[in-house]
């Protein structure tokens, strides 16, 4: 069997942006076994996608900060990768400055991917395209490798068991509702809680229930926002797995969030959103469908009134404070 491996040991949003490329790869090689090498805590996410046949937990590396590094674990991991005898190994971690030499040690028959600068006639290495959106960057690599792209859109599958879990919390929800997600892995990318509080109060006054989401590490931030809001909210912080969160997004009227993992899930599910970008790269990470999603680059001066106008534009005014659906 032809064996293909992708190396992309990054976080949730990074992985979701690569899924269109992974699906194109599987479509081109339907009979190949496709391995995805990533961070151990991303296994649950990536096992949702049927284009991936086997997920491999990455051991860590001294020059990659995403997880702790242990030399013995790395040595065992490299031996495991060598034993797989991959026919094709694709580097999708970044420009390759750190990982390209490391991936050579896997002993794959062919190693391809990004380089900082590649020869124009090299069929295996593409110069890293710094100006593209993260989704389109990896699709460009697939096209460079000669693949056709049957579908360029992001994707996040929801399963019957996800909806069953959602039904267990549905009695707590008043429709229509807006999700506010104040967290972000990088504290520098978090919009001030007071600003989310201002928008949350506005949307409550417009008649929407506010639902707060986040992971357990973000509970203090979420609780702080809850205290700022005028009316009661539904605080679901740390209560949802990814599938249930996806169902919640599908049922929502709007998501208001930082540019973080949940914004990419919303983009994949075509759930309307207003995204606050503080990473300085909205053209790389902001949702591509600008008819459905609005991204504000707040590394530049933008008046709160402009964001308020957008909220009022995308949310129809209601005469009552929600209803059970």
Protein backbone atom coordinates (compact mmCIF):
# COMPACT_ATOMS: atom_id res chain seq x y z
CA UNK A 1 0.00 0.00 0.00
CA UNK A 2 1.19 3.51 -0.87
CA UNK A 3 1.83 5.37 2.40
CA UNK A 4 1.60 9.17 2.68
CA UNK A 5 2.37 11.19 5.81
CA UNK A 6 1.71 14.86 6.54
CA UNK A 7 3.71 16.63 9.23
CA UNK A 8 1.84 19.54 10.84
CA UNK A 9 2.32 19.61 14.62
CA UNK A 10 0.30 22.75 15.33
CA UNK A 11 -2.87 23.91 17.08
CA UNK A 12 -6.58 23.70 16.26
CA UNK A 13 -6.93 26.66 13.90
CA UNK A 14 -3.76 25.73 12.03
CA UNK A 15 -5.07 22.22 11.47
CA UNK A 16 -8.54 23.26 10.35
CA UNK A 17 -7.00 25.59 7.78
CA UNK A 18 -5.06 22.65 6.33
CA UNK A 19 -8.07 20.32 5.96
CA UNK A 20 -9.02 21.43 2.41
CA UNK A 21 -5.50 20.48 1.29
CA UNK A 22 -5.63 17.17 3.17
CA UNK A 23 -8.97 16.33 1.54
CA UNK A 24 -7.55 17.16 -1.89
CA UNK A 25 -4.60 14.87 -1.20
CA UNK A 26 -6.86 11.98 -0.19
CA UNK A 27 -9.06 12.59 -3.23
CA UNK A 28 -6.00 12.34 -5.48
CA UNK A 29 -4.69 9.20 -3.71
CA UNK A 30 -7.92 7.43 -2.61
CA UNK A 31 -6.25 4.05 -2.16
CA UNK A 32 -3.24 5.33 -0.24
CA UNK A 33 -3.00 5.17 3.55
CA UNK A 34 -2.81 8.75 4.80
CA UNK A 35 -1.05 9.44 8.09
CA UNK A 36 -1.23 12.79 9.89
CA UNK A 37 1.59 13.56 12.34
CA UNK A 38 0.50 16.14 14.89
CA UNK A 39 0.33 17.17 18.53
CA UNK A 40 -1.09 14.51 20.87
CA UNK A 41 -3.87 16.77 22.18
CA UNK A 42 -5.11 17.39 18.62
CA UNK A 43 -5.87 13.69 18.04
CA UNK A 44 -9.56 14.03 19.01
CA UNK A 45 -10.01 16.83 16.49
CA UNK A 46 -8.26 15.16 13.58
CA UNK A 47 -9.90 11.77 14.07
CA UNK A 48 -13.17 13.45 13.06
CA UNK A 49 -11.97 13.65 9.46
CA UNK A 50 -12.38 10.58 7.27
CA UNK A 51 -9.67 11.79 4.90
CA UNK A 52 -7.13 10.80 7.58
CA UNK A 53 -6.53 7.08 8.02
CA UNK A 54 -4.16 7.17 10.98
CA UNK A 55 -3.16 9.91 13.41
CA UNK A 56 0.38 9.80 14.81
CA UNK A 57 1.29 11.59 18.04
CA UNK A 58 4.36 13.76 17.59
CA UNK A 59 6.97 13.40 20.33
CA UNK A 60 8.17 16.99 20.49
CA UNK A 61 11.37 18.59 19.22
CA UNK A 62 13.85 20.98 20.88
CA UNK A 63 13.15 23.72 18.33
CA UNK A 64 9.36 23.36 18.25
CA UNK A 65 7.69 24.97 21.29
CA UNK A 66 4.19 23.48 21.03
CA UNK A 67 4.83 20.58 23.44
CA UNK A 68 7.55 19.61 25.91
CA UNK A 69 10.59 17.86 24.47
CA UNK A 70 12.18 14.68 25.79
CA UNK A 71 15.26 13.29 23.94
CA UNK A 72 14.35 9.65 24.59
CA UNK A 73 10.83 10.16 23.28
CA UNK A 74 12.15 11.86 20.17
CA UNK A 75 14.58 9.02 19.46
CA UNK A 76 11.79 6.43 19.77
CA UNK A 77 9.52 8.54 17.58
CA UNK A 78 12.09 8.83 14.78
CA UNK A 79 12.65 5.06 14.83
CA UNK A 80 8.87 4.56 14.63
CA UNK A 81 8.69 6.86 11.60
CA UNK A 82 11.59 5.11 9.90
CA UNK A 83 9.85 1.76 10.40
CA UNK A 84 6.75 3.05 8.57
CA UNK A 85 8.78 3.47 5.34
CA UNK A 86 6.63 6.28 3.98
CA UNK A 87 6.44 6.60 0.20
CA UNK A 88 5.65 10.32 0.45
CA UNK A 89 6.19 12.71 3.37
CA UNK A 90 4.74 16.23 3.11
CA UNK A 91 6.09 19.08 5.21
CA UNK A 92 3.21 21.43 6.09
CA UNK A 93 4.59 22.83 9.35
CA UNK A 94 5.76 26.15 7.96
CA UNK A 95 8.56 27.43 5.77
CA UNK A 96 10.75 24.47 6.75
CA UNK A 97 13.55 26.39 8.44
CA UNK A 98 13.39 24.16 11.51
CA UNK A 99 11.82 20.91 10.36
CA UNK A 100 13.08 20.08 6.87
CA UNK A 101 16.40 18.61 8.01
CA UNK A 102 14.63 16.82 10.86
CA UNK A 103 12.11 15.21 8.51
CA UNK A 104 14.93 13.86 6.37
CA UNK A 105 15.67 11.52 9.28
CA UNK A 106 12.35 9.69 8.71
CA UNK A 107 13.82 8.08 5.60
CA UNK A 108 10.75 8.57 3.39
CA UNK A 109 11.21 7.73 -0.29
CA UNK A 110 10.17 11.27 -1.20
CA UNK A 111 10.04 14.38 1.01
CA UNK A 112 8.21 17.44 -0.31
CA UNK A 113 6.82 20.70 1.00
CA UNK A 114 7.77 24.28 1.74
CA UNK A 115 11.22 25.85 1.83
CA UNK A 116 12.14 29.48 2.60
CA UNK A 117 13.44 29.71 -0.99
CA UNK A 118 13.25 26.88 -3.52
CA UNK A 119 14.73 26.43 -6.96
CA UNK A 120 12.21 27.25 -9.68
CA UNK A 121 12.68 23.85 -11.33
CA UNK A 122 12.63 21.73 -8.13
CA UNK A 123 9.53 19.48 -8.28
CA UNK A 124 9.63 18.70 -4.55
CA UNK A 125 10.09 22.06 -2.84
CA UNK A 126 7.88 25.14 -3.10
CA UNK A 127 9.00 28.57 -1.94
CA UNK A 128 6.90 29.41 1.12
CA UNK A 129 4.13 31.80 -0.05
CA UNK A 130 4.05 34.36 2.72
CA UNK A 131 1.17 36.49 1.41
CA UNK A 132 -1.56 33.85 1.10
CA UNK A 133 -4.39 32.98 3.46
CA UNK A 134 -3.51 29.89 5.51
CA UNK A 135 -6.13 27.79 3.69
CA UNK A 136 -4.92 28.86 0.26
CA UNK A 137 -1.26 28.43 1.18
CA UNK A 138 -1.66 24.68 1.59
CA UNK A 139 -3.93 24.36 -1.41
CA UNK A 140 -1.19 26.10 -3.39
CA UNK A 141 1.23 23.40 -2.25
CA UNK A 142 -1.15 20.69 -3.47
CA UNK A 143 -1.44 22.45 -6.84
CA UNK A 144 2.35 22.75 -6.97
CA UNK A 145 2.52 18.97 -6.51
CA UNK A 146 0.15 18.50 -9.46
CA UNK A 147 -3.12 17.84 -7.65
CA UNK A 148 -6.53 19.10 -8.68
CA UNK A 149 -8.55 20.79 -5.94
CA UNK A 150 -12.15 19.49 -5.95
CA UNK A 151 -13.25 21.62 -2.99
CA UNK A 152 -11.49 24.68 -1.56
CA UNK A 153 -13.80 25.25 1.41
CA UNK A 154 -13.15 24.52 5.07
CA UNK A 155 -14.98 21.60 6.63
CA UNK A 156 -15.93 20.42 10.12
CA UNK A 157 -18.03 17.24 10.33
CA UNK A 158 -20.82 16.87 12.89
CA UNK A 159 -22.06 13.41 13.85
CA UNK A 160 -25.31 12.07 15.37
CA UNK A 161 -23.59 11.65 18.74
CA UNK A 162 -22.65 15.35 18.68
CA UNK A 163 -26.29 16.33 18.24
CA UNK A 164 -27.32 13.87 20.96
CA UNK A 165 -24.91 15.59 23.37
CA UNK A 166 -26.25 18.96 22.26
CA UNK A 167 -29.82 17.90 23.02
CA UNK A 168 -28.79 17.34 26.64
CA UNK A 169 -27.99 21.05 27.07
CA UNK A 170 -30.66 22.42 24.74
CA UNK A 171 -33.20 22.84 27.55
CA UNK A 172 -30.88 25.45 29.09
CA UNK A 173 -30.79 27.52 25.90
CA UNK A 174 -33.08 30.39 24.96
CA UNK A 175 -33.32 31.07 21.24
CA UNK A 176 -32.12 33.13 19.47
CA UNK A 177 -28.69 33.33 21.05
CA UNK A 178 -25.25 34.78 20.46
CA UNK A 179 -22.01 33.09 21.50
CA UNK A 180 -19.22 35.19 23.00
CA UNK A 181 -15.80 33.55 23.25
CA UNK A 182 -13.27 35.76 25.04
CA UNK A 183 -10.34 33.35 25.17
CA UNK A 184 -7.29 32.85 23.00
CA UNK A 185 -4.21 30.71 23.58
CA UNK A 186 -2.00 33.81 23.24
CA UNK A 187 -2.92 36.49 25.79
CA UNK A 188 -1.68 39.17 23.40
CA UNK A 189 -4.49 38.23 21.01
CA UNK A 190 -7.25 38.77 23.57
CA UNK A 191 -9.48 41.80 23.24
CA UNK A 192 -10.16 43.45 26.62
CA UNK A 193 -12.98 41.80 28.57
CA UNK A 194 -14.66 45.18 29.06
CA UNK A 195 -15.12 45.52 25.30
CA UNK A 196 -16.77 42.11 25.04
CA UNK A 197 -18.91 43.14 28.00
CA UNK A 198 -20.06 46.28 26.20
CA UNK A 199 -21.07 44.29 23.12
CA UNK A 200 -22.66 41.56 25.20
CA UNK A 201 -24.84 44.04 27.07
CA UNK A 202 -25.84 45.63 23.76
CA UNK A 203 -26.89 42.28 22.33
CA UNK A 204 -28.82 41.42 25.49
CA UNK A 205 -30.69 44.71 25.13
CA UNK A 206 -31.44 43.74 21.52
CA UNK A 207 -33.18 40.60 22.79
CA UNK A 208 -30.54 37.86 22.47
CA UNK A 209 -29.47 35.34 25.04
CA UNK A 210 -25.71 35.38 25.52
CA UNK A 211 -23.89 32.05 25.76
CA UNK A 212 -20.30 32.07 26.97
CA UNK A 213 -17.82 29.42 25.83
CA UNK A 214 -14.20 28.62 26.60
CA UNK A 215 -11.86 25.92 27.82
CA UNK A 216 -11.12 25.24 31.49
CA UNK A 217 -7.99 27.42 31.45
CA UNK A 218 -10.18 30.37 30.44
CA UNK A 219 -12.75 30.06 33.25
CA UNK A 220 -11.56 33.17 35.09
CA UNK A 221 -11.87 35.27 31.92
CA UNK A 222 -15.32 33.90 31.16
CA UNK A 223 -16.51 34.43 34.74
CA UNK A 224 -15.24 38.00 34.64
CA UNK A 225 -17.28 38.67 31.52
CA UNK A 226 -20.33 37.06 33.10
CA UNK A 227 -20.11 39.51 36.02
CA UNK A 228 -19.96 42.46 33.60
CA UNK A 229 -23.16 41.63 31.74
CA UNK A 230 -26.49 43.16 32.73
CA UNK A 231 -28.69 40.07 32.38
CA UNK A 232 -28.22 36.38 33.16
CA UNK A 233 -26.17 34.36 30.67
CA UNK A 234 -25.61 30.68 29.99
CA UNK A 235 -22.02 29.91 30.91
CA UNK A 236 -20.89 26.76 29.07
CA UNK A 237 -17.18 27.26 29.67
CA UNK A 238 -15.38 23.88 29.88
CA UNK A 239 -18.69 21.99 29.43
CA UNK A 240 -18.49 21.32 25.68
CA UNK A 241 -16.41 18.99 23.58
CA UNK A 242 -15.60 20.01 20.01
CA UNK A 243 -18.59 18.26 18.48
CA UNK A 244 -21.11 19.79 20.89
CA UNK A 245 -19.49 23.18 20.38
CA UNK A 246 -19.92 22.70 16.64
CA UNK A 247 -23.64 22.01 17.10
CA UNK A 248 -23.96 25.11 19.28
CA UNK A 249 -22.32 27.19 16.55
CA UNK A 250 -24.66 25.77 13.90
CA UNK A 251 -27.65 26.80 16.03
CA UNK A 252 -26.32 30.26 16.92
CA UNK A 253 -27.35 33.56 15.36
CA UNK A 254 -23.84 35.00 15.73
CA UNK A 255 -20.41 34.30 17.22
CA UNK A 256 -18.33 37.18 18.60
CA UNK A 257 -14.76 36.13 19.36
CA UNK A 258 -11.05 36.73 19.13
CA UNK A 259 -9.24 35.31 16.12
CA UNK A 260 -8.72 31.84 17.57
CA UNK A 261 -9.74 28.22 17.11
CA UNK A 262 -13.48 28.75 17.50
CA UNK A 263 -13.47 31.29 14.66
CA UNK A 264 -12.09 28.61 12.33
CA UNK A 265 -14.74 26.09 13.44
CA UNK A 266 -17.38 28.74 12.74
CA UNK A 267 -15.89 29.37 9.31
CA UNK A 268 -15.93 25.65 8.54
CA UNK A 269 -19.57 25.37 9.67
CA UNK A 270 -20.67 28.58 7.91
CA UNK A 271 -21.80 30.02 11.24
CA UNK A 272 -21.98 33.82 11.10
CA UNK A 273 -19.28 35.60 13.10
CA UNK A 274 -17.68 38.88 14.06
CA UNK A 275 -13.98 38.25 14.67
CA UNK A 276 -11.60 40.53 16.56
CA UNK A 277 -8.09 40.14 15.14
CA UNK A 278 -5.11 41.19 17.24
CA UNK A 279 -2.50 39.00 15.56
CA UNK A 280 -1.70 41.52 12.83
CA UNK A 281 -2.45 38.95 10.11
CA UNK A 282 -6.20 39.07 9.39
CA UNK A 283 -5.51 38.39 5.72
CA UNK A 284 -3.88 35.10 6.78
CA UNK A 285 -6.20 33.93 9.54
CA UNK A 286 -9.51 35.76 9.17
CA UNK A 287 -12.45 33.82 7.67
CA UNK A 288 -12.41 33.89 3.86
CA UNK A 289 -16.17 34.23 3.41
CA UNK A 290 -16.53 37.95 4.07
CA UNK A 291 -20.24 37.85 3.24
CA UNK A 292 -20.77 35.68 6.33
CA UNK A 293 -17.93 36.78 8.59
CA UNK A 294 -16.60 40.21 9.50
CA UNK A 295 -13.03 40.55 10.76
CA UNK A 296 -11.83 43.70 12.50
CA UNK A 297 -8.07 44.27 12.53
CA UNK A 298 -7.67 45.94 15.92
CA UNK A 299 -3.95 46.37 15.54
CA UNK A 300 -5.19 49.48 13.73
CA UNK A 301 -7.39 52.24 15.19
CA UNK A 302 -11.05 51.22 14.84
CA UNK A 303 -13.78 52.98 16.79
CA UNK A 304 -16.09 50.83 18.90
CA UNK A 305 -19.00 52.49 17.11
CA UNK A 306 -17.94 50.80 13.87
CA UNK A 307 -18.12 47.37 15.53
CA UNK A 308 -21.48 48.28 17.07
CA UNK A 309 -22.82 49.23 13.64
CA UNK A 310 -21.75 45.83 12.31
CA UNK A 311 -23.43 44.03 15.22
CA UNK A 312 -26.64 45.94 14.53
CA UNK A 313 -26.35 45.18 10.81
CA UNK A 314 -26.03 41.42 11.19
CA UNK A 315 -28.44 40.95 14.12
CA UNK A 316 -32.13 41.63 13.55
CA UNK A 317 -33.67 43.55 16.45
CA UNK A 318 -36.04 41.49 18.61
CA UNK A 319 -39.04 42.64 20.57
CA UNK A 320 -38.75 40.05 23.34
CA UNK A 321 -35.87 38.49 25.23
CA UNK A 322 -35.63 35.21 23.34
CA UNK A 323 -37.77 32.09 23.45
CA UNK A 324 -37.22 28.38 23.81
CA UNK A 325 -36.99 26.65 20.42
